[in-house]
């Protein structure tokens, strides 16, 4: 008896909203009102699309499915689907349910509202399950990766954040990588600076206020004697690599260059090599970062170009050429570098990354594209080159 009463309560509520002789429109409106009042938003989404289907004369079962929508109704139904998802997502956001809201906004490709909501979230004094869910949505579900990394750094520390950032690099936009890189450079720089200052002041108490790392290590080789170090060197290594996502006007770029200088003074066994052409890790990264900062870019291009000329392996040549082009694009030297590296990268066509064809077209180098197309017997690239001319 109690079960029946409980299970029929919603239907009783629905019936109370109906006129004496309800129409189909009355019934669907009452259904939506009941679900909205109860904040049963997932079913409200179904109900909204049920109303659309009823207006189109379509079957009402599986109301959110596109499988049985005739061609003449397909676009209208898709539009209704997007509008309903946007409306339901907003309702969840208004109730602070970011995970449920993200399910709708992600489906329709509109991350903006959830991203804006995550920007307003503050790290609680004692993170709880609800905050962990927000971190998961931001970071691992991709709603706002840069902000999620910031949350992770504040609640779980540097090690977890470095690991997460390393794993998520390919999923992030260039701007997200830039934001995250700046955050990590500031964090590692501050840690190294503070530790160095304590060690130096233990021997000589007079230091200029907030002395930078460059000042702290100059003329003090004893700081690195017997394999001494002042930060987890794997964190330093990763962060210097992240810094290649920075822009020339980012204040963290100068800090990243100083971190390279610090890393170069570490004992050789603590200087882990990277992938070519960053096997001389801190030296190569310093060239790259100083070029980004506008400091002697010719020297940086010459360094990497020489590495390319000295490399006998074809796969490694391609890696070095790609780094050269990446640097050249960031410092406005793409045309000259592309002419030097085209033979190494002319077959690289990643829809989500580097495209030799796209770069040639963007730079107006369609003659170079045509030459490469002939060399590679690529009729698609050849046609694009001719049409682009």
Protein backbone atom coordinates (compact mmCIF):
# COMPACT_ATOMS: atom_id res chain seq x y z
CA UNK A 1 0.00 0.00 0.00
CA UNK A 2 2.78 2.41 0.93
CA UNK A 3 4.75 1.49 -2.20
CA UNK A 4 1.77 2.17 -4.44
CA UNK A 5 1.15 5.52 -2.80
CA UNK A 6 4.81 6.54 -3.16
CA UNK A 7 5.07 5.41 -6.76
CA UNK A 8 1.87 7.21 -7.81
CA UNK A 9 2.68 10.52 -6.11
CA UNK A 10 4.28 12.00 -9.19
CA UNK A 11 1.38 10.97 -11.38
CA UNK A 12 -1.03 12.53 -8.88
CA UNK A 13 0.97 15.76 -9.11
CA UNK A 14 0.82 15.57 -12.87
CA UNK A 15 -2.95 15.02 -12.89
CA UNK A 16 -3.54 18.04 -10.66
CA UNK A 17 -2.06 20.28 -13.33
CA UNK A 18 -4.36 19.00 -16.07
CA UNK A 19 -7.68 20.58 -17.12
CA UNK A 20 -10.80 18.44 -17.13
CA UNK A 21 -10.42 17.37 -20.75
CA UNK A 22 -6.68 17.67 -21.40
CA UNK A 23 -5.26 17.87 -24.90
CA UNK A 24 -1.96 16.31 -25.96
CA UNK A 25 -0.36 19.73 -25.53
CA UNK A 26 -1.79 20.02 -21.99
CA UNK A 27 -0.42 16.62 -21.04
CA UNK A 28 3.07 17.32 -22.37
CA UNK A 29 3.15 20.76 -20.72
CA UNK A 30 2.06 19.30 -17.37
CA UNK A 31 4.72 16.59 -17.68
CA UNK A 32 7.45 19.17 -18.21
CA UNK A 33 6.21 21.37 -15.38
CA UNK A 34 6.13 18.43 -12.96
CA UNK A 35 9.65 17.33 -13.87
CA UNK A 36 10.94 20.91 -13.67
CA UNK A 37 9.37 21.43 -10.23
CA UNK A 38 11.02 18.22 -9.01
CA UNK A 39 14.33 19.16 -10.69
CA UNK A 40 14.35 15.86 -12.54
CA UNK A 41 16.26 17.48 -15.38
CA UNK A 42 17.41 14.34 -17.17
CA UNK A 43 13.81 13.24 -17.70
CA UNK A 44 12.84 16.80 -18.48
CA UNK A 45 15.25 16.62 -21.42
CA UNK A 46 13.39 13.52 -22.64
CA UNK A 47 10.06 15.27 -22.15
CA UNK A 48 11.11 18.31 -24.18
CA UNK A 49 12.11 16.14 -27.11
CA UNK A 50 8.98 14.07 -26.70
CA UNK A 51 7.01 17.26 -27.31
CA UNK A 52 9.04 17.96 -30.45
CA UNK A 53 8.41 14.45 -31.72
CA UNK A 54 4.70 14.76 -31.04
CA UNK A 55 4.57 17.99 -33.05
CA UNK A 56 6.34 16.23 -35.92
CA UNK A 57 4.07 13.20 -35.76
CA UNK A 58 6.96 10.89 -34.87
CA UNK A 59 6.99 7.90 -32.47
CA UNK A 60 7.34 9.01 -28.86
CA UNK A 61 9.43 6.09 -27.60
CA UNK A 62 13.18 6.74 -27.32
CA UNK A 63 12.52 10.47 -27.60
CA UNK A 64 16.19 11.56 -27.80
CA UNK A 65 17.20 9.13 -30.53
CA UNK A 66 17.90 10.26 -34.09
CA UNK A 67 17.53 6.75 -35.50
CA UNK A 68 13.91 6.99 -36.57
CA UNK A 69 13.75 10.66 -37.60
CA UNK A 70 12.89 11.05 -41.30
CA UNK A 71 15.22 13.12 -43.45
CA UNK A 72 12.76 16.00 -43.84
CA UNK A 73 12.62 16.42 -40.05
CA UNK A 74 16.24 15.65 -39.23
CA UNK A 75 17.65 19.21 -39.13
CA UNK A 76 14.67 20.56 -37.18
CA UNK A 77 15.01 17.75 -34.67
CA UNK A 78 18.76 18.33 -34.34
CA UNK A 79 18.14 22.02 -33.69
CA UNK A 80 15.54 21.15 -31.05
CA UNK A 81 17.98 18.67 -29.49
CA UNK A 82 20.70 21.32 -29.20
CA UNK A 83 18.30 23.88 -27.72
CA UNK A 84 16.96 21.39 -25.19
CA UNK A 85 20.46 20.27 -24.20
CA UNK A 86 21.52 23.89 -23.75
CA UNK A 87 18.47 24.59 -21.59
CA UNK A 88 18.90 21.49 -19.42
CA UNK A 89 22.64 22.08 -19.10
CA UNK A 90 21.95 25.60 -17.85
CA UNK A 91 19.48 24.26 -15.28
CA UNK A 92 22.12 21.90 -13.92
CA UNK A 93 24.66 24.73 -13.83
CA UNK A 94 22.23 26.94 -11.91
CA UNK A 95 21.93 24.15 -9.37
CA UNK A 96 25.72 23.79 -9.11
CA UNK A 97 25.77 20.33 -10.69
CA UNK A 98 28.73 20.77 -13.04
CA UNK A 99 29.17 17.11 -13.91
CA UNK A 100 25.59 16.75 -15.12
CA UNK A 101 25.75 20.12 -16.91
CA UNK A 102 28.95 19.06 -18.69
CA UNK A 103 27.25 15.94 -20.05
CA UNK A 104 24.87 18.19 -22.03
CA UNK A 105 27.21 21.01 -23.04
CA UNK A 106 29.92 18.57 -24.12
CA UNK A 107 27.41 16.69 -26.29
CA UNK A 108 26.52 19.84 -28.23
CA UNK A 109 30.10 21.12 -28.37
CA UNK A 110 29.59 24.19 -26.19
CA UNK A 111 32.12 24.05 -23.32
CA UNK A 112 31.95 27.80 -22.60
CA UNK A 113 29.25 27.88 -19.89
CA UNK A 114 30.82 25.05 -17.88
CA UNK A 115 34.30 26.53 -18.31
CA UNK A 116 33.03 29.89 -17.02
CA UNK A 117 31.41 28.18 -14.04
CA UNK A 118 34.65 26.32 -13.19
CA UNK A 119 36.53 29.64 -13.30
CA UNK A 120 34.30 30.80 -10.43
CA UNK A 121 35.10 27.80 -8.23
CA UNK A 122 37.46 28.37 -5.30
CA UNK A 123 39.54 25.63 -3.71
CA UNK A 124 37.88 24.79 -0.37
CA UNK A 125 39.93 24.72 2.80
CA UNK A 126 39.23 20.99 3.03
CA UNK A 127 38.51 19.50 -0.42
CA UNK A 128 35.56 17.14 -0.33
CA UNK A 129 33.87 14.70 -2.68
CA UNK A 130 31.99 17.47 -4.46
CA UNK A 131 35.22 19.34 -5.18
CA UNK A 132 36.90 16.15 -6.37
CA UNK A 133 34.06 15.76 -8.86
CA UNK A 134 34.69 19.28 -10.16
CA UNK A 135 38.40 18.50 -10.55
CA UNK A 136 37.50 15.35 -12.47
CA UNK A 137 35.17 17.26 -14.83
CA UNK A 138 37.69 20.05 -15.36
CA UNK A 139 40.78 17.93 -15.77
CA UNK A 140 40.05 14.39 -16.88
CA UNK A 141 36.82 15.05 -18.76
CA UNK A 142 38.41 18.06 -20.45
CA UNK A 143 35.97 20.81 -19.44
CA UNK A 144 38.74 23.20 -18.33
CA UNK A 145 42.11 21.43 -18.21
CA UNK A 146 44.24 24.43 -17.26
CA UNK A 147 42.00 25.26 -14.29
CA UNK A 148 41.86 21.59 -13.33
CA UNK A 149 45.65 21.49 -13.22
CA UNK A 150 45.60 24.54 -10.97
CA UNK A 151 43.18 22.76 -8.62
CA UNK A 152 45.39 19.66 -8.67
CA UNK A 153 48.52 21.64 -7.88
CA UNK A 154 46.88 23.28 -4.86
CA UNK A 155 45.38 20.08 -3.47
CA UNK A 156 47.68 17.24 -4.56
CA UNK A 157 51.04 18.91 -5.10
CA UNK A 158 53.64 19.25 -7.82
CA UNK A 159 54.31 15.58 -8.55
CA UNK A 160 50.71 14.72 -9.40
CA UNK A 161 50.35 17.91 -11.45
CA UNK A 162 53.47 17.28 -13.51
CA UNK A 163 52.29 13.74 -14.24
CA UNK A 164 48.81 14.89 -15.25
CA UNK A 165 50.11 17.69 -17.45
CA UNK A 166 52.53 15.33 -19.19
CA UNK A 167 49.67 12.93 -19.93
CA UNK A 168 47.19 15.59 -21.09
CA UNK A 169 49.44 17.72 -23.34
CA UNK A 170 48.01 16.35 -26.58
CA UNK A 171 44.43 16.99 -25.47
CA UNK A 172 45.06 20.64 -24.62
CA UNK A 173 44.73 23.68 -26.82
CA UNK A 174 47.85 25.83 -27.35
CA UNK A 175 46.42 28.45 -25.00
CA UNK A 176 45.74 25.83 -22.30
CA UNK A 177 49.31 24.55 -22.63
CA UNK A 178 50.58 28.11 -22.36
CA UNK A 179 48.55 28.79 -19.21
CA UNK A 180 49.61 25.53 -17.58
CA UNK A 181 53.25 26.06 -18.51
CA UNK A 182 53.25 29.51 -16.91
CA UNK A 183 51.78 28.08 -13.72
CA UNK A 184 54.35 25.29 -13.51
CA UNK A 185 57.32 27.57 -14.28
CA UNK A 186 56.25 29.97 -11.52
CA UNK A 187 55.86 27.09 -9.07
CA UNK A 188 59.19 25.40 -9.78
CA UNK A 189 61.04 28.71 -10.00
CA UNK A 190 59.75 29.83 -6.60
CA UNK A 191 60.70 26.49 -5.03
CA UNK A 192 64.24 26.52 -6.46
CA UNK A 193 64.72 30.20 -5.62
CA UNK A 194 63.63 29.72 -2.00
CA UNK A 195 65.86 26.67 -1.45
CA UNK A 196 68.88 28.33 -3.05
CA UNK A 197 68.41 31.47 -0.99
CA UNK A 198 68.30 29.49 2.27
CA UNK A 199 71.48 27.62 1.36
CA UNK A 200 73.35 30.73 0.27
CA UNK A 201 72.26 32.71 3.34
CA UNK A 202 73.46 29.92 5.59
CA UNK A 203 76.96 30.92 4.47
CA UNK A 204 76.60 34.61 3.66
CA UNK A 205 73.61 36.42 5.21
CA UNK A 206 73.70 39.54 3.02
CA UNK A 207 71.67 39.11 -0.17
CA UNK A 208 69.71 41.54 -2.30
CA UNK A 209 65.95 41.27 -1.71
CA UNK A 210 64.26 38.59 -3.83
CA UNK A 211 67.50 37.74 -5.63
CA UNK A 212 66.72 35.82 -8.85
CA UNK A 213 68.10 32.35 -9.51
CA UNK A 214 70.60 33.81 -11.98
CA UNK A 215 72.13 35.91 -9.19
CA UNK A 216 71.99 33.15 -6.60
CA UNK A 217 73.97 30.64 -8.70
CA UNK A 218 76.50 32.99 -10.32
CA UNK A 219 80.01 32.23 -8.99
CA UNK A 220 78.68 29.62 -6.54
CA UNK A 221 79.62 26.26 -8.01
CA UNK A 222 79.71 24.91 -4.47
CA UNK A 223 75.90 24.88 -4.54
CA UNK A 224 76.13 21.90 -6.91
CA UNK A 225 79.12 20.12 -5.36
CA UNK A 226 78.92 16.36 -4.82
CA UNK A 227 75.69 16.04 -6.82
CA UNK A 228 73.77 18.55 -4.73
CA UNK A 229 70.38 19.72 -6.02
CA UNK A 230 67.52 21.88 -4.74
CA UNK A 231 64.37 20.55 -6.43
CA UNK A 232 63.06 17.22 -7.66
CA UNK A 233 65.08 17.11 -10.90
CA UNK A 234 62.33 15.25 -12.77
CA UNK A 235 59.93 18.11 -12.02
CA UNK A 236 62.54 20.61 -13.22
CA UNK A 237 63.10 18.59 -16.41
CA UNK A 238 59.39 18.38 -17.23
CA UNK A 239 58.71 22.04 -16.47
CA UNK A 240 61.49 23.30 -18.74
CA UNK A 241 59.91 21.24 -21.52
CA UNK A 242 56.46 22.65 -20.76
CA UNK A 243 57.93 26.16 -21.05
CA UNK A 244 58.27 25.79 -24.83
CA UNK A 245 54.53 26.55 -24.94
CA UNK A 246 55.10 30.05 -23.58
CA UNK A 247 54.97 33.21 -25.70
CA UNK A 248 57.63 35.87 -26.02
CA UNK A 249 55.77 38.37 -23.83
CA UNK A 250 55.09 35.93 -20.97
CA UNK A 251 56.98 36.97 -17.81
CA UNK A 252 57.57 33.29 -16.97
CA UNK A 253 59.81 32.92 -20.04
CA UNK A 254 62.73 34.67 -18.33
CA UNK A 255 62.23 32.42 -15.31
CA UNK A 256 62.27 29.34 -17.55
CA UNK A 257 65.58 30.46 -19.07
CA UNK A 258 67.03 30.81 -15.57
CA UNK A 259 65.80 27.31 -14.78
CA UNK A 260 67.75 26.10 -17.81
CA UNK A 261 70.87 27.81 -16.46
CA UNK A 262 70.28 26.16 -13.10
CA UNK A 263 69.74 22.74 -14.70
CA UNK A 264 72.91 23.06 -16.76
CA UNK A 265 74.93 23.38 -13.53
CA UNK A 266 73.59 20.15 -12.06
CA UNK A 267 75.76 17.07 -11.98
CA UNK A 268 75.64 15.31 -15.40
CA UNK A 269 73.84 12.28 -14.00
CA UNK A 270 70.99 14.59 -12.90
CA UNK A 271 70.59 16.12 -16.36
CA UNK A 272 68.22 13.69 -18.04
CA UNK A 273 68.27 13.79 -21.85
CA UNK A 274 65.10 14.41 -23.82
CA UNK A 275 64.01 13.37 -27.29
CA UNK A 276 66.02 14.77 -30.18
CA UNK A 277 66.93 17.55 -30.61
CA UNK A 278 66.68 18.05 -26.84
CA UNK A 279 69.18 15.34 -25.92
CA UNK A 280 71.47 18.13 -24.65
CA UNK A 281 68.48 19.03 -22.58
CA UNK A 282 69.10 22.35 -20.85
CA UNK A 283 71.39 23.67 -23.59
CA UNK A 284 68.87 22.94 -26.37
CA UNK A 285 65.91 24.23 -24.39
CA UNK A 286 67.80 27.41 -23.54
CA UNK A 287 68.34 28.09 -27.24
CA UNK A 288 64.65 27.50 -27.91
CA UNK A 289 63.42 29.67 -25.03
CA UNK A 290 65.82 32.56 -25.62
CA UNK A 291 64.67 32.65 -29.25
CA UNK A 292 61.07 32.88 -28.06
CA UNK A 293 62.14 35.78 -25.85
CA UNK A 294 63.67 37.53 -28.87
CA UNK A 295 67.25 37.03 -27.68
CA UNK A 296 69.50 36.08 -30.62
CA UNK A 297 67.02 33.90 -32.55
CA UNK A 298 69.65 33.45 -35.29
CA UNK A 299 71.84 31.51 -32.87
CA UNK A 300 68.95 29.23 -31.94
CA UNK A 301 67.99 28.52 -35.55
CA UNK A 302 71.64 27.87 -36.38
CA UNK A 303 71.97 25.45 -33.46
CA UNK A 304 68.97 23.36 -34.47
CA UNK A 305 69.85 23.57 -38.17
CA UNK A 306 73.29 22.19 -37.41
CA UNK A 307 71.72 19.37 -35.42
CA UNK A 308 69.60 18.59 -38.48
CA UNK A 309 72.61 18.54 -40.80
CA UNK A 310 74.58 16.32 -38.43
CA UNK A 311 71.79 13.76 -37.92
CA UNK A 312 72.05 10.66 -40.17
CA UNK A 313 68.80 8.96 -39.16
CA UNK A 314 65.76 9.86 -41.31
CA UNK A 315 63.19 9.57 -38.51
CA UNK A 316 65.30 11.76 -36.23
CA UNK A 317 65.84 14.25 -39.04
CA UNK A 318 62.08 14.64 -39.24
CA UNK A 319 61.85 15.24 -35.47
CA UNK A 320 64.51 17.95 -35.60
CA UNK A 321 62.94 19.58 -38.66
CA UNK A 322 59.59 19.67 -36.90
CA UNK A 323 61.12 21.41 -33.87
CA UNK A 324 62.80 23.91 -36.19
CA UNK A 325 59.51 24.71 -37.88
CA UNK A 326 57.68 24.95 -34.56
CA UNK A 327 60.24 27.48 -33.34
CA UNK A 328 60.23 29.34 -36.67
CA UNK A 329 56.45 29.69 -36.63
CA UNK A 330 56.55 31.14 -33.11
CA UNK A 331 59.21 33.74 -33.96
CA UNK A 332 57.95 34.67 -37.42
CA UNK A 333 60.67 32.95 -39.45
CA UNK A 334 58.58 30.20 -41.07
CA UNK A 335 59.30 30.96 -44.72
CA UNK A 336 63.09 30.71 -44.56
CA UNK A 337 63.03 27.64 -42.31
CA UNK A 338 60.43 25.85 -44.41
CA UNK A 339 62.67 26.17 -47.45
CA UNK A 340 65.47 24.49 -45.48
CA UNK A 341 63.36 21.72 -43.97
CA UNK A 342 60.72 20.96 -46.61
CA UNK A 343 62.37 17.76 -47.77
CA UNK A 344 62.18 16.35 -44.24
CA UNK A 345 58.55 17.26 -43.44
CA UNK A 346 56.78 17.29 -46.81
CA UNK A 347 54.97 14.03 -45.98
CA UNK A 348 53.74 15.17 -42.56
CA UNK A 349 49.95 15.58 -42.65
CA UNK A 350 48.36 15.32 -39.22
CA UNK A 351 44.69 16.48 -39.23
CA UNK A 352 45.05 17.54 -35.59
CA UNK A 353 48.61 18.80 -35.75
CA UNK A 354 51.28 19.81 -38.23
CA UNK A 355 50.34 19.86 -41.91
CA UNK A 356 52.98 20.66 -44.51
CA UNK A 357 50.26 21.37 -47.08
CA UNK A 358 48.38 23.76 -44.82
CA UNK A 359 51.56 25.60 -43.81
CA UNK A 360 52.63 26.08 -47.43
CA UNK A 361 49.22 27.45 -48.36
CA UNK A 362 49.14 29.77 -45.33
CA UNK A 363 52.59 31.13 -46.20
CA UNK A 364 51.77 31.49 -49.88
CA UNK A 365 54.50 28.99 -50.78
CA UNK A 366 52.41 27.07 -53.28
CA UNK A 367 55.38 26.64 -55.63
CA UNK A 368 57.23 24.84 -52.84
CA UNK A 369 54.15 22.71 -52.17
CA UNK A 370 53.94 21.78 -55.84
CA UNK A 371 57.61 20.81 -55.92
CA UNK A 372 57.16 18.56 -52.89
CA UNK A 373 53.98 17.05 -54.38
CA UNK A 374 55.87 16.11 -57.53
CA UNK A 375 58.73 14.63 -55.49
CA UNK A 376 56.26 12.60 -53.40
CA UNK A 377 53.92 11.79 -56.32
CA UNK A 378 51.09 13.25 -54.21
CA UNK A 379 48.30 14.16 -56.64
CA UNK A 380 46.10 15.60 -53.86
CA UNK A 381 48.79 18.03 -52.69
CA UNK A 382 49.61 18.84 -56.33
CA UNK A 383 45.98 19.76 -57.01
CA UNK A 384 45.77 21.86 -53.85
CA UNK A 385 48.93 23.70 -54.88
CA UNK A 386 47.58 24.45 -58.35
CA UNK A 387 44.19 25.55 -57.06
CA UNK A 388 45.79 27.73 -54.38
CA UNK A 389 47.89 29.52 -56.98
